[in-house]
């Protein structure tokens, strides 16, 4: 059972008290040029910067969908796509989603392996999710905030029903 804690997405696991994941997100109108978006105070631990390229980074085969491939997709509403080599330098407008991911697994002998594995899984999830956001643009482009809230409520209800957490 995983529980969110606090104002930032931070997750702990009740049966693994020494396991936690913290993900912080910030967005900027650039192609990933801000080297310190999270501020100096966040830099007191070892960091590894990893640029995700939604068009050309390899997606795990089980998650690949040609309809969600930015190298093939073309938006009818926005005219964007397909993305070609060098798209980050030539595409406008562009937005960068900066993620700071911290994983803690304080179990001697397993810490490094588990933390590396969790970082890999989170990277894959972020890559697939951002590819989908690009490829699904025609479904959400032009939505008002009210439309988005209504859609969120519908998805929340559908997800709970699918998971069996629905009590009418």
Protein backbone atom coordinates (compact mmCIF):
# COMPACT_ATOMS: atom_id res chain seq x y z
CA UNK A 1 0.00 0.00 0.00
CA UNK A 2 1.57 3.28 -1.09
CA UNK A 3 0.50 6.56 0.52
CA UNK A 4 1.15 10.10 -0.76
CA UNK A 5 2.55 12.47 1.85
CA UNK A 6 2.78 16.28 1.96
CA UNK A 7 2.41 18.91 -0.76
CA UNK A 8 4.91 17.24 -3.11
CA UNK A 9 4.47 13.73 -4.46
CA UNK A 10 6.31 11.69 -1.89
CA UNK A 11 5.51 8.05 -1.38
CA UNK A 12 6.33 5.66 1.38
CA UNK A 13 5.45 2.03 1.77
CA UNK A 14 4.03 0.85 5.12
CA UNK A 15 5.56 -2.63 4.90
CA UNK A 16 8.94 -1.17 3.83
CA UNK A 17 9.48 1.71 6.25
CA UNK A 18 12.94 2.48 4.85
CA UNK A 19 11.65 3.02 1.29
CA UNK A 20 10.57 6.41 -0.06
CA UNK A 21 10.24 8.14 -3.44
CA UNK A 22 10.08 11.92 -3.84
CA UNK A 23 9.27 13.51 -7.22
CA UNK A 24 9.23 17.26 -7.76
CA UNK A 25 8.20 18.82 -11.09
CA UNK A 26 8.69 22.25 -12.59
CA UNK A 27 7.93 23.47 -16.10
CA UNK A 28 9.69 26.08 -18.20
CA UNK A 29 9.33 27.42 -21.71
CA UNK A 30 12.69 26.13 -22.97
CA UNK A 31 14.38 22.97 -24.23
CA UNK A 32 16.07 21.95 -20.98
CA UNK A 33 18.69 24.65 -20.56
CA UNK A 34 18.07 25.53 -16.89
CA UNK A 35 20.78 23.75 -14.93
CA UNK A 36 19.49 24.77 -11.50
CA UNK A 37 15.71 25.01 -11.72
CA UNK A 38 15.30 23.46 -8.26
CA UNK A 39 17.63 25.93 -6.58
CA UNK A 40 20.99 25.66 -4.87
CA UNK A 41 19.48 24.29 -1.65
CA UNK A 42 18.47 21.14 -3.53
CA UNK A 43 22.04 20.48 -4.68
CA UNK A 44 23.38 19.10 -1.41
CA UNK A 45 23.21 15.52 -2.65
CA UNK A 46 24.69 13.71 -5.63
CA UNK A 47 22.70 14.39 -8.79
CA UNK A 48 22.63 12.78 -12.19
CA UNK A 49 21.05 14.72 -15.03
CA UNK A 50 19.23 12.62 -17.62
CA UNK A 51 17.63 14.24 -20.66
CA UNK A 52 14.60 12.38 -21.99
CA UNK A 53 13.96 12.68 -25.71
CA UNK A 54 10.32 11.73 -26.29
CA UNK A 55 10.97 11.07 -29.97
CA UNK A 56 14.27 9.23 -30.05
CA UNK A 57 14.86 7.57 -26.67
CA UNK A 58 14.13 3.86 -26.74
CA UNK A 59 10.84 2.85 -25.13
CA UNK A 60 10.50 -0.61 -23.57
CA UNK A 61 8.97 -2.84 -26.25
CA UNK A 62 5.94 -3.71 -24.12
CA UNK A 63 5.03 0.01 -23.97
CA UNK A 64 5.60 0.88 -27.63
CA UNK A 65 2.55 1.96 -29.64
CA UNK A 66 3.08 3.30 -33.17
CA UNK A 67 0.12 5.66 -32.62
CA UNK A 68 2.06 7.21 -29.70
CA UNK A 69 5.39 7.49 -31.54
CA UNK A 70 6.24 11.20 -31.93
CA UNK A 71 8.34 10.32 -34.99
CA UNK A 72 5.15 9.14 -36.73
CA UNK A 73 2.36 11.17 -35.11
CA UNK A 74 1.01 14.35 -36.68
CA UNK A 75 -1.58 16.50 -34.90
CA UNK A 76 -4.63 17.50 -36.92
CA UNK A 77 -5.45 20.36 -34.51
CA UNK A 78 -2.01 21.88 -34.02
CA UNK A 79 -0.09 20.80 -37.11
CA UNK A 80 2.78 19.59 -34.90
CA UNK A 81 4.71 16.46 -35.70
CA UNK A 82 6.08 14.20 -36.74
CA UNK A 83 9.19 15.05 -34.74
CA UNK A 84 12.48 14.89 -36.65
CA UNK A 85 16.07 14.66 -35.39
CA UNK A 86 16.95 17.96 -33.66
CA UNK A 87 13.30 18.77 -32.89
CA UNK A 88 14.14 20.30 -29.49
CA UNK A 89 16.21 23.03 -31.13
CA UNK A 90 13.76 23.76 -33.97
CA UNK A 91 10.24 23.21 -32.59
CA UNK A 92 8.26 26.18 -31.24
CA UNK A 93 6.52 26.49 -28.88
CA UNK A 94 8.32 24.06 -26.61
CA UNK A 95 8.01 23.27 -22.92
CA UNK A 96 10.42 21.37 -20.71
CA UNK A 97 9.17 19.30 -17.81
CA UNK A 98 11.95 19.18 -15.22
CA UNK A 99 11.71 16.31 -12.73
CA UNK A 100 13.77 15.84 -9.61
CA UNK A 101 13.49 12.25 -8.43
CA UNK A 102 14.90 11.04 -5.12
CA UNK A 103 14.71 7.39 -4.13
CA UNK A 104 15.65 6.09 -0.70
CA UNK A 105 15.89 2.42 0.13
CA UNK A 106 17.86 2.07 3.33
CA UNK A 107 18.45 -1.67 3.45
CA UNK A 108 22.09 -2.68 3.65
CA UNK A 109 23.22 -4.80 0.72
CA UNK A 110 20.27 -3.90 -1.49
CA UNK A 111 20.23 -0.10 -1.39
CA UNK A 112 22.16 0.68 -4.58
CA UNK A 113 20.52 -1.98 -6.75
CA UNK A 114 16.98 -1.17 -5.65
CA UNK A 115 17.46 2.60 -5.98
CA UNK A 116 18.93 2.17 -9.50
CA UNK A 117 16.05 -0.12 -10.50
CA UNK A 118 13.42 2.32 -9.21
CA UNK A 119 15.08 5.22 -11.07
CA UNK A 120 15.00 3.13 -14.29
CA UNK A 121 11.31 2.30 -13.84
CA UNK A 122 10.43 5.95 -13.11
CA UNK A 123 12.41 7.05 -16.19
CA UNK A 124 10.43 4.60 -18.36
CA UNK A 125 7.11 5.78 -16.89
CA UNK A 126 8.01 9.44 -17.49
CA UNK A 127 9.18 8.74 -21.04
CA UNK A 128 6.02 6.84 -21.97
CA UNK A 129 3.76 9.39 -20.24
CA UNK A 130 5.31 12.38 -22.00
CA UNK A 131 5.17 10.60 -25.37
CA UNK A 132 1.47 10.00 -24.73
CA UNK A 133 0.90 13.65 -23.78
CA UNK A 134 2.36 14.66 -27.15
CA UNK A 135 0.52 12.01 -29.17
CA UNK A 136 -2.82 12.65 -27.46
CA UNK A 137 -2.66 16.43 -28.01
CA UNK A 138 -5.75 16.41 -30.25
CA UNK A 139 -7.78 14.97 -27.36
CA UNK A 140 -6.90 17.76 -24.91
CA UNK A 141 -5.92 20.74 -27.08
CA UNK A 142 -8.40 23.58 -26.65
CA UNK A 143 -9.90 22.28 -23.38
CA UNK A 144 -10.94 24.88 -20.84
CA UNK A 145 -9.99 24.47 -17.19
CA UNK A 146 -13.59 23.40 -16.54
CA UNK A 147 -13.27 20.74 -19.28
CA UNK A 148 -10.05 19.48 -17.70
CA UNK A 149 -11.61 19.24 -14.23
CA UNK A 150 -14.61 17.36 -15.64
CA UNK A 151 -12.30 14.97 -17.51
CA UNK A 152 -10.22 14.43 -14.34
CA UNK A 153 -13.36 13.58 -12.37
CA UNK A 154 -14.50 11.12 -15.02
CA UNK A 155 -11.11 9.42 -15.11
CA UNK A 156 -10.94 9.30 -11.30
CA UNK A 157 -14.33 7.60 -11.17
CA UNK A 158 -13.48 5.18 -14.00
CA UNK A 159 -10.16 4.26 -12.38
CA UNK A 160 -11.76 3.61 -9.01
CA UNK A 161 -14.44 1.47 -10.64
CA UNK A 162 -11.81 -0.52 -12.52
CA UNK A 163 -9.84 -1.07 -9.30
CA UNK A 164 -12.94 -2.01 -7.34
CA UNK A 165 -12.76 1.08 -5.10
CA UNK A 166 -16.14 2.40 -6.14
CA UNK A 167 -18.89 2.62 -3.56
CA UNK A 168 -22.03 4.28 -5.06
